[in-house]
Amino acid sequence: MMKRGLSVAVAVVAAVFVLTGPVLAADSFGARLRGVEETPVPISTAGQGFFFATLNTAETQLDYTLVYFGLGSNVTQSHIHFGQPGISGNIVLFLCANNPPITPPAAVPTPPACPNNPGINTVSGFLTASNVVAVSGQGIGAGAFADVVDAMKGIVTYVNVHTTTFGTGEIRGVLTH
Protein backbone atom coordinates (compact mmCIF):
# COMPACT_ATOMS: atom_id res chain seq x y z
CA MET A 1 0.00 0.00 0.00
CA MET A 2 2.86 2.40 0.85
CA LYS A 3 4.44 1.82 -2.56
CA ARG A 4 1.15 2.69 -4.32
CA GLY A 5 0.86 5.86 -2.23
CA LEU A 6 4.37 6.91 -3.25
CA SER A 7 3.60 6.19 -6.90
CA VAL A 8 0.52 8.40 -6.72
CA ALA A 9 2.52 11.14 -4.99
CA VAL A 10 5.22 11.01 -7.67
CA ALA A 11 2.58 11.20 -10.40
CA VAL A 12 0.89 14.22 -8.80
CA VAL A 13 4.12 16.13 -8.21
CA ALA A 14 5.41 15.26 -11.70
CA ALA A 15 2.15 16.49 -13.26
CA VAL A 16 2.47 19.80 -11.42
CA PHE A 17 6.07 20.10 -12.60
CA VAL A 18 5.18 19.35 -16.23
CA LEU A 19 2.15 21.63 -16.27
CA THR A 20 3.79 24.60 -14.54
CA GLY A 21 7.16 24.37 -16.30
CA PRO A 22 6.03 26.10 -19.50
CA VAL A 23 4.21 28.78 -17.49
CA LEU A 24 7.29 29.57 -15.39
CA ALA A 25 9.48 29.82 -18.52
CA ALA A 26 13.04 31.18 -18.67
CA ASP A 27 13.49 32.36 -15.08
CA SER A 28 12.52 29.07 -13.50
CA PHE A 29 14.59 26.17 -12.22
CA GLY A 30 13.70 22.62 -11.32
CA ALA A 31 15.15 19.32 -10.21
CA ARG A 32 13.99 15.78 -9.57
CA LEU A 33 15.78 14.38 -6.55
CA ARG A 34 16.62 10.67 -6.35
CA GLY A 35 19.08 8.51 -4.46
CA VAL A 36 20.79 7.31 -7.65
CA GLU A 37 22.03 10.87 -8.24
CA GLU A 38 23.96 11.03 -4.94
CA THR A 39 27.78 11.07 -5.02
CA PRO A 40 30.30 9.65 -4.61
CA VAL A 41 28.07 6.56 -4.68
CA PRO A 42 24.36 6.21 -5.46
CA ILE A 43 21.93 5.56 -2.62
CA SER A 44 19.26 2.84 -2.84
CA THR A 45 16.18 4.54 -1.40
CA ALA A 46 12.46 4.82 -2.03
CA GLY A 47 12.82 8.52 -1.25
CA GLN A 48 12.24 11.09 -3.95
CA GLY A 49 11.79 14.82 -4.20
CA PHE A 50 11.22 17.78 -6.45
CA PHE A 51 12.54 21.32 -6.35
CA PHE A 52 10.90 24.27 -8.09
CA ALA A 53 12.19 27.86 -8.09
CA THR A 54 11.44 31.13 -9.83
CA LEU A 55 13.89 34.01 -10.12
CA ASN A 56 12.44 37.52 -10.01
CA THR A 57 12.97 39.89 -12.95
CA ALA A 58 15.72 41.85 -11.15
CA GLU A 59 17.48 38.52 -10.40
CA THR A 60 17.71 39.42 -6.71
CA GLN A 61 15.31 36.87 -5.20
CA LEU A 62 14.65 33.18 -5.76
CA ASP A 63 11.28 31.86 -4.57
CA TYR A 64 11.40 28.10 -4.04
CA THR A 65 9.44 25.03 -3.04
CA LEU A 66 11.06 21.76 -2.06
CA VAL A 67 8.93 18.60 -1.92
CA TYR A 68 10.18 15.24 -0.63
CA PHE A 69 8.71 11.93 0.51
CA GLY A 70 9.52 8.28 1.16
CA LEU A 71 12.86 8.93 2.84
CA GLY A 72 14.27 6.27 5.15
CA SER A 73 14.87 8.54 8.15
CA ASN A 74 14.36 12.10 9.36
CA VAL A 75 15.58 15.00 7.24
CA THR A 76 18.32 17.05 8.87
CA GLN A 77 18.96 19.65 6.15
CA SER A 78 18.66 20.53 2.48
CA HIS A 79 20.75 22.84 0.31
CA ILE A 80 21.73 24.09 -3.10
CA HIS A 81 25.35 23.11 -3.76
CA PHE A 82 27.82 24.51 -6.29
CA GLY A 83 29.02 21.46 -8.21
CA GLN A 84 28.50 19.91 -11.62
CA PRO A 85 26.60 16.65 -12.18
CA GLY A 86 28.33 13.69 -10.55
CA ILE A 87 30.67 15.86 -8.47
CA SER A 88 30.21 16.99 -4.87
CA GLY A 89 30.30 20.71 -4.30
CA ASN A 90 30.01 23.07 -1.38
CA ILE A 91 26.79 24.49 0.05
CA VAL A 92 25.86 27.91 -1.33
CA LEU A 93 22.23 28.20 -0.14
CA PHE A 94 20.34 26.53 2.74
CA LEU A 95 16.76 25.47 1.86
CA CYS A 96 15.89 24.07 5.29
CA ALA A 97 17.64 22.84 8.40
CA ASN A 98 16.72 21.38 11.75
CA ASN A 99 18.55 23.25 14.48
CA PRO A 100 20.31 21.72 16.30
CA PRO A 101 22.41 19.98 15.08
CA ILE A 102 22.61 21.85 11.76
CA THR A 103 23.27 25.57 11.79
CA PRO A 104 24.32 27.76 8.87
CA PRO A 105 27.18 30.24 9.30
CA ALA A 106 26.38 33.08 11.71
CA ALA A 107 26.00 35.71 8.96
CA VAL A 108 23.39 33.63 7.07
CA PRO A 109 19.71 33.88 8.08
CA THR A 110 18.26 30.80 9.76
CA PRO A 111 16.42 28.71 7.15
CA PRO A 112 12.98 27.19 7.76
CA ALA A 113 12.80 23.86 9.55
CA CYS A 114 12.78 20.70 7.43
CA PRO A 115 9.47 18.90 8.00
CA ASN A 116 9.51 15.22 8.92
CA ASN A 117 5.90 14.16 8.46
CA PRO A 118 4.70 10.83 7.12
CA GLY A 119 3.76 11.26 3.49
CA ILE A 120 4.63 14.31 1.41
CA ASN A 121 6.71 17.09 2.99
CA THR A 122 6.91 20.60 1.58
CA VAL A 123 9.07 23.56 2.52
CA SER A 124 8.92 26.93 0.75
CA GLY A 125 10.74 30.21 1.07
CA PHE A 126 12.80 32.78 -0.72
CA LEU A 127 16.53 33.35 -1.03
CA THR A 128 18.50 36.56 -1.59
CA ALA A 129 22.12 37.72 -1.36
CA SER A 130 21.94 37.54 2.45
CA ASN A 131 21.44 33.74 2.19
CA VAL A 132 24.57 33.02 0.13
CA VAL A 133 27.18 31.01 2.02
CA ALA A 134 30.78 31.97 1.20
CA VAL A 135 32.69 29.20 -0.58
CA SER A 136 36.18 30.65 -0.85
CA GLY A 137 37.69 27.47 -2.29
CA GLN A 138 35.23 27.71 -5.20
CA GLY A 139 35.27 31.51 -5.64
CA ILE A 140 31.79 32.27 -4.28
CA GLY A 141 31.81 35.13 -1.80
CA ALA A 142 29.26 35.77 0.94
CA GLY A 143 26.32 37.58 -0.64
CA ALA A 144 27.43 36.78 -4.22
CA PHE A 145 23.88 36.01 -5.36
CA ALA A 146 24.63 36.86 -9.02
CA ASP A 147 27.42 34.25 -9.03
CA VAL A 148 25.04 31.62 -7.66
CA VAL A 149 22.41 32.53 -10.27
CA ASP A 150 25.06 32.25 -13.01
CA ALA A 151 26.03 28.81 -11.70
CA MET A 152 22.37 27.76 -11.66
CA LYS A 153 21.92 28.95 -15.24
CA GLY A 154 25.12 27.11 -16.19
CA ILE A 155 23.72 23.85 -14.75
CA VAL A 156 26.53 23.51 -12.20
CA THR A 157 24.35 23.42 -9.09
CA TYR A 158 22.31 20.71 -7.46
CA VAL A 159 19.83 20.26 -4.64
CA ASN A 160 20.11 17.50 -2.08
CA VAL A 161 18.32 16.40 1.04
CA HIS A 162 20.33 15.00 3.96
CA THR A 163 18.86 12.53 6.46
CA THR A 164 19.99 10.99 9.73
CA THR A 165 20.79 7.71 7.94
CA PHE A 166 22.54 9.37 4.98
CA GLY A 167 24.34 12.37 6.45
CA THR A 168 25.96 13.35 3.16
CA GLY A 169 22.63 13.17 1.33
CA GLU A 170 19.91 10.65 0.55
CA ILE A 171 18.46 12.26 -2.59
CA ARG A 172 19.94 14.69 -5.08
CA GLY A 173 19.05 16.34 -8.37
CA VAL A 174 20.78 18.68 -10.83
CA LEU A 175 19.13 22.08 -11.14
CA THR A 176 18.06 22.74 -14.69
CA HIS A 177 16.99 26.03 -16.20
C-alpha atoms as a PDB file:
ATOM      1  CA  MET A   1       0.000   0.000   0.000  1.00  0.00           C
ATOM      2  CA  MET A   2       2.859   2.402   0.850  1.00  0.00           C
ATOM      3  CA  LYS A   3       4.442   1.816  -2.561  1.00  0.00           C
ATOM      4  CA  ARG A   4       1.152   2.688  -4.320  1.00  0.00           C
ATOM      5  CA  GLY A   5       0.864   5.863  -2.231  1.00  0.00           C
ATOM      6  CA  LEU A   6       4.368   6.911  -3.248  1.00  0.00           C
ATOM      7  CA  SER A   7       3.600   6.187  -6.905  1.00  0.00           C
ATOM      8  CA  VAL A   8       0.521   8.402  -6.724  1.00  0.00           C
ATOM      9  CA  ALA A   9       2.525  11.139  -4.988  1.00  0.00           C
ATOM     10  CA  VAL A  10       5.223  11.006  -7.672  1.00  0.00           C
ATOM     11  CA  ALA A  11       2.577  11.204 -10.400  1.00  0.00           C
ATOM     12  CA  VAL A  12       0.886  14.222  -8.796  1.00  0.00           C
ATOM     13  CA  VAL A  13       4.123  16.126  -8.213  1.00  0.00           C
ATOM     14  CA  ALA A  14       5.406  15.261 -11.697  1.00  0.00           C
ATOM     15  CA  ALA A  15       2.151  16.488 -13.256  1.00  0.00           C
ATOM     16  CA  VAL A  16       2.468  19.801 -11.416  1.00  0.00           C
ATOM     17  CA  PHE A  17       6.067  20.105 -12.600  1.00  0.00           C
ATOM     18  CA  VAL A  18       5.176  19.346 -16.231  1.00  0.00           C
ATOM     19  CA  LEU A  19       2.151  21.629 -16.265  1.00  0.00           C
ATOM     20  CA  THR A  20       3.791  24.596 -14.539  1.00  0.00           C
ATOM     21  CA  GLY A  21       7.163  24.370 -16.296  1.00  0.00           C
ATOM     22  CA  PRO A  22       6.033  26.100 -19.497  1.00  0.00           C
ATOM     23  CA  VAL A  23       4.208  28.777 -17.491  1.00  0.00           C
ATOM     24  CA  LEU A  24       7.289  29.567 -15.388  1.00  0.00           C
ATOM     25  CA  ALA A  25       9.476  29.824 -18.516  1.00  0.00           C
ATOM     26  CA  ALA A  26      13.044  31.178 -18.668  1.00  0.00           C
ATOM     27  CA  ASP A  27      13.492  32.360 -15.082  1.00  0.00           C
ATOM     28  CA  SER A  28      12.523  29.072 -13.495  1.00  0.00           C
ATOM     29  CA  PHE A  29      14.588  26.167 -12.221  1.00  0.00           C
ATOM     30  CA  GLY A  30      13.702  22.625 -11.318  1.00  0.00           C
ATOM     31  CA  ALA A  31      15.150  19.325 -10.213  1.00  0.00           C
ATOM     32  CA  ARG A  32      13.990  15.782  -9.575  1.00  0.00           C
ATOM     33  CA  LEU A  33      15.781  14.383  -6.547  1.00  0.00           C
ATOM     34  CA  ARG A  34      16.620  10.668  -6.352  1.00  0.00           C
ATOM     35  CA  GLY A  35      19.084   8.511  -4.464  1.00  0.00           C
ATOM     36  CA  VAL A  36      20.787   7.306  -7.646  1.00  0.00           C
ATOM     37  CA  GLU A  37      22.030  10.873  -8.237  1.00  0.00           C
ATOM     38  CA  GLU A  38      23.964  11.033  -4.942  1.00  0.00           C
ATOM     39  CA  THR A  39      27.776  11.073  -5.020  1.00  0.00           C
ATOM     40  CA  PRO A  40      30.303   9.647  -4.610  1.00  0.00           C
ATOM     41  CA  VAL A  41      28.072   6.556  -4.680  1.00  0.00           C
ATOM     42  CA  PRO A  42      24.360   6.211  -5.464  1.00  0.00           C
ATOM     43  CA  ILE A  43      21.927   5.560  -2.616  1.00  0.00           C
ATOM     44  CA  SER A  44      19.261   2.843  -2.839  1.00  0.00           C
ATOM     45  CA  THR A  45      16.182   4.538  -1.396  1.00  0.00           C
ATOM     46  CA  ALA A  46      12.458   4.821  -2.035  1.00  0.00           C
ATOM     47  CA  GLY A  47      12.822   8.523  -1.251  1.00  0.00           C
ATOM     48  CA  GLN A  48      12.239  11.095  -3.949  1.00  0.00           C
ATOM     49  CA  GLY A  49      11.793  14.820  -4.199  1.00  0.00           C
ATOM     50  CA  PHE A  50      11.222  17.783  -6.451  1.00  0.00           C
ATOM     51  CA  PHE A  51      12.543  21.324  -6.345  1.00  0.00           C
ATOM     52  CA  PHE A  52      10.900  24.274  -8.090  1.00  0.00           C
ATOM     53  CA  ALA A  53      12.188  27.857  -8.085  1.00  0.00           C
ATOM     54  CA  THR A  54      11.438  31.127  -9.827  1.00  0.00           C
ATOM     55  CA  LEU A  55      13.886  34.013 -10.117  1.00  0.00           C
ATOM     56  CA  ASN A  56      12.435  37.524 -10.011  1.00  0.00           C
ATOM     57  CA  THR A  57      12.974  39.891 -12.951  1.00  0.00           C
ATOM     58  CA  ALA A  58      15.721  41.847 -11.152  1.00  0.00           C
ATOM     59  CA  GLU A  59      17.479  38.520 -10.396  1.00  0.00           C
ATOM     60  CA  THR A  60      17.715  39.421  -6.713  1.00  0.00           C
ATOM     61  CA  GLN A  61      15.310  36.868  -5.201  1.00  0.00           C
ATOM     62  CA  LEU A  62      14.649  33.183  -5.764  1.00  0.00           C
ATOM     63  CA  ASP A  63      11.276  31.858  -4.565  1.00  0.00           C
ATOM     64  CA  TYR A  64      11.396  28.101  -4.036  1.00  0.00           C
ATOM     65  CA  THR A  65       9.440  25.035  -3.036  1.00  0.00           C
ATOM     66  CA  LEU A  66      11.056  21.761  -2.057  1.00  0.00           C
ATOM     67  CA  VAL A  67       8.929  18.595  -1.916  1.00  0.00           C
ATOM     68  CA  TYR A  68      10.184  15.235  -0.630  1.00  0.00           C
ATOM     69  CA  PHE A  69       8.707  11.926   0.508  1.00  0.00           C
ATOM     70  CA  GLY A  70       9.520   8.282   1.163  1.00  0.00           C
ATOM     71  CA  LEU A  71      12.861   8.934   2.843  1.00  0.00           C
ATOM     72  CA  GLY A  72      14.267   6.267   5.148  1.00  0.00           C
ATOM     73  CA  SER A  73      14.868   8.542   8.147  1.00  0.00           C
ATOM     74  CA  ASN A  74      14.362  12.099   9.361  1.00  0.00           C
ATOM     75  CA  VAL A  75      15.581  15.002   7.239  1.00  0.00           C
ATOM     76  CA  THR A  76      18.317  17.053   8.871  1.00  0.00           C
ATOM     77  CA  GLN A  77      18.961  19.648   6.154  1.00  0.00           C
ATOM     78  CA  SER A  78      18.659  20.534   2.483  1.00  0.00           C
ATOM     79  CA  HIS A  79      20.752  22.840   0.307  1.00  0.00           C
ATOM     80  CA  ILE A  80      21.728  24.087  -3.098  1.00  0.00           C
ATOM     81  CA  HIS A  81      25.345  23.112  -3.761  1.00  0.00           C
ATOM     82  CA  PHE A  82      27.819  24.514  -6.293  1.00  0.00           C
ATOM     83  CA  GLY A  83      29.016  21.459  -8.212  1.00  0.00           C
ATOM     84  CA  GLN A  84      28.505  19.914 -11.621  1.00  0.00           C
ATOM     85  CA  PRO A  85      26.600  16.649 -12.179  1.00  0.00           C
ATOM     86  CA  GLY A  86      28.329  13.691 -10.548  1.00  0.00           C
ATOM     87  CA  ILE A  87      30.671  15.864  -8.469  1.00  0.00           C
ATOM     88  CA  SER A  88      30.214  16.986  -4.870  1.00  0.00           C
ATOM     89  CA  GLY A  89      30.304  20.714  -4.303  1.00  0.00           C
ATOM     90  CA  ASN A  90      30.013  23.065  -1.376  1.00  0.00           C
ATOM     91  CA  ILE A  91      26.786  24.488   0.052  1.00  0.00           C
ATOM     92  CA  VAL A  92      25.856  27.913  -1.332  1.00  0.00           C
ATOM     93  CA  LEU A  93      22.230  28.200  -0.139  1.00  0.00           C
ATOM     94  CA  PHE A  94      20.344  26.530   2.736  1.00  0.00           C
ATOM     95  CA  LEU A  95      16.761  25.474   1.856  1.00  0.00           C
ATOM     96  CA  CYS A  96      15.893  24.066   5.290  1.00  0.00           C
ATOM     97  CA  ALA A  97      17.643  22.837   8.400  1.00  0.00           C
ATOM     98  CA  ASN A  98      16.715  21.376  11.746  1.00  0.00           C
ATOM     99  CA  ASN A  99      18.548  23.248  14.480  1.00  0.00           C
ATOM    100  CA  PRO A 100      20.313  21.723  16.300  1.00  0.00           C
ATOM    101  CA  PRO A 101      22.411  19.984  15.078  1.00  0.00           C
ATOM    102  CA  ILE A 102      22.613  21.854  11.762  1.00  0.00           C
ATOM    103  CA  THR A 103      23.266  25.571  11.788  1.00  0.00           C
ATOM    104  CA  PRO A 104      24.315  27.760   8.866  1.00  0.00           C
ATOM    105  CA  PRO A 105      27.179  30.235   9.299  1.00  0.00           C
ATOM    106  CA  ALA A 106      26.380  33.084  11.711  1.00  0.00           C
ATOM    107  CA  ALA A 107      25.997  35.708   8.955  1.00  0.00           C
ATOM    108  CA  VAL A 108      23.392  33.630   7.069  1.00  0.00           C
ATOM    109  CA  PRO A 109      19.713  33.881   8.084  1.00  0.00           C
ATOM    110  CA  THR A 110      18.262  30.797   9.765  1.00  0.00           C
ATOM    111  CA  PRO A 111      16.423  28.707   7.151  1.00  0.00           C
ATOM    112  CA  PRO A 112      12.983  27.195   7.763  1.00  0.00           C
ATOM    113  CA  ALA A 113      12.802  23.857   9.550  1.00  0.00           C
ATOM    114  CA  CYS A 114      12.780  20.699   7.434  1.00  0.00           C
ATOM    115  CA  PRO A 115       9.472  18.899   8.003  1.00  0.00           C
ATOM    116  CA  ASN A 116       9.515  15.222   8.920  1.00  0.00           C
ATOM    117  CA  ASN A 117       5.904  14.164   8.461  1.00  0.00           C
ATOM    118  CA  PRO A 118       4.698  10.828   7.121  1.00  0.00           C
ATOM    119  CA  GLY A 119       3.762  11.261   3.487  1.00  0.00           C
ATOM    120  CA  ILE A 120       4.629  14.313   1.407  1.00  0.00           C
ATOM    121  CA  ASN A 121       6.714  17.088   2.985  1.00  0.00           C
ATOM    122  CA  THR A 122       6.910  20.596   1.577  1.00  0.00           C
ATOM    123  CA  VAL A 123       9.067  23.561   2.520  1.00  0.00           C
ATOM    124  CA  SER A 124       8.922  26.934   0.747  1.00  0.00           C
ATOM    125  CA  GLY A 125      10.737  30.205   1.071  1.00  0.00           C
ATOM    126  CA  PHE A 126      12.796  32.783  -0.722  1.00  0.00           C
ATOM    127  CA  LEU A 127      16.532  33.352  -1.031  1.00  0.00           C
ATOM    128  CA  THR A 128      18.497  36.559  -1.587  1.00  0.00           C
ATOM    129  CA  ALA A 129      22.115  37.719  -1.363  1.00  0.00           C
ATOM    130  CA  SER A 130      21.940  37.539   2.452  1.00  0.00           C
ATOM    131  CA  ASN A 131      21.436  33.744   2.188  1.00  0.00           C
ATOM    132  CA  VAL A 132      24.570  33.016   0.128  1.00  0.00           C
ATOM    133  CA  VAL A 133      27.180  31.010   2.024  1.00  0.00           C
ATOM    134  CA  ALA A 134      30.783  31.972   1.199  1.00  0.00           C
ATOM    135  CA  VAL A 135      32.690  29.197  -0.579  1.00  0.00           C
ATOM    136  CA  SER A 136      36.177  30.653  -0.854  1.00  0.00           C
ATOM    137  CA  GLY A 137      37.692  27.475  -2.290  1.00  0.00           C
ATOM    138  CA  GLN A 138      35.233  27.710  -5.201  1.00  0.00           C
ATOM    139  CA  GLY A 139      35.273  31.507  -5.640  1.00  0.00           C
ATOM    140  CA  ILE A 140      31.787  32.266  -4.280  1.00  0.00           C
ATOM    141  CA  GLY A 141      31.810  35.134  -1.797  1.00  0.00           C
ATOM    142  CA  ALA A 142      29.255  35.771   0.938  1.00  0.00           C
ATOM    143  CA  GLY A 143      26.321  37.585  -0.639  1.00  0.00           C
ATOM    144  CA  ALA A 144      27.429  36.776  -4.219  1.00  0.00           C
ATOM    145  CA  PHE A 145      23.880  36.010  -5.359  1.00  0.00           C
ATOM    146  CA  ALA A 146      24.625  36.856  -9.017  1.00  0.00           C
ATOM    147  CA  ASP A 147      27.420  34.254  -9.030  1.00  0.00           C
ATOM    148  CA  VAL A 148      25.045  31.617  -7.658  1.00  0.00           C
ATOM    149  CA  VAL A 149      22.410  32.531 -10.274  1.00  0.00           C
ATOM    150  CA  ASP A 150      25.064  32.253 -13.008  1.00  0.00           C
ATOM    151  CA  ALA A 151      26.029  28.812 -11.699  1.00  0.00           C
ATOM    152  CA  MET A 152      22.367  27.760 -11.657  1.00  0.00           C
ATOM    153  CA  LYS A 153      21.917  28.947 -15.239  1.00  0.00           C
ATOM    154  CA  GLY A 154      25.118  27.107 -16.189  1.00  0.00           C
ATOM    155  CA  ILE A 155      23.725  23.850 -14.749  1.00  0.00           C
ATOM    156  CA  VAL A 156      26.531  23.512 -12.201  1.00  0.00           C
ATOM    157  CA  THR A 157      24.352  23.423  -9.090  1.00  0.00           C
ATOM    158  CA  TYR A 158      22.310  20.707  -7.464  1.00  0.00           C
ATOM    159  CA  VAL A 159      19.829  20.264  -4.635  1.00  0.00           C
ATOM    160  CA  ASN A 160      20.107  17.504  -2.084  1.00  0.00           C
ATOM    161  CA  VAL A 161      18.320  16.395   1.044  1.00  0.00           C
ATOM    162  CA  HIS A 162      20.335  14.999   3.965  1.00  0.00           C
ATOM    163  CA  THR A 163      18.864  12.529   6.461  1.00  0.00           C
ATOM    164  CA  THR A 164      19.993  10.992   9.733  1.00  0.00           C
ATOM    165  CA  THR A 165      20.787   7.712   7.939  1.00  0.00           C
ATOM    166  CA  PHE A 166      22.535   9.369   4.981  1.00  0.00           C
ATOM    167  CA  GLY A 167      24.338  12.367   6.455  1.00  0.00           C
ATOM    168  CA  THR A 168      25.964  13.353   3.165  1.00  0.00           C
ATOM    169  CA  GLY A 169      22.631  13.172   1.327  1.00  0.00           C
ATOM    170  CA  GLU A 170      19.907  10.650   0.554  1.00  0.00           C
ATOM    171  CA  ILE A 171      18.459  12.259  -2.592  1.00  0.00           C
ATOM    172  CA  ARG A 172      19.940  14.687  -5.082  1.00  0.00           C
ATOM    173  CA  GLY A 173      19.053  16.345  -8.373  1.00  0.00           C
ATOM    174  CA  VAL A 174      20.784  18.680 -10.832  1.00  0.00           C
ATOM    175  CA  LEU A 175      19.133  22.076 -11.137  1.00  0.00           C
ATOM    176  CA  THR A 176      18.056  22.738 -14.686  1.00  0.00           C
ATOM    177  CA  HIS A 177      16.988  26.030 -16.195  1.00  0.00           C
END
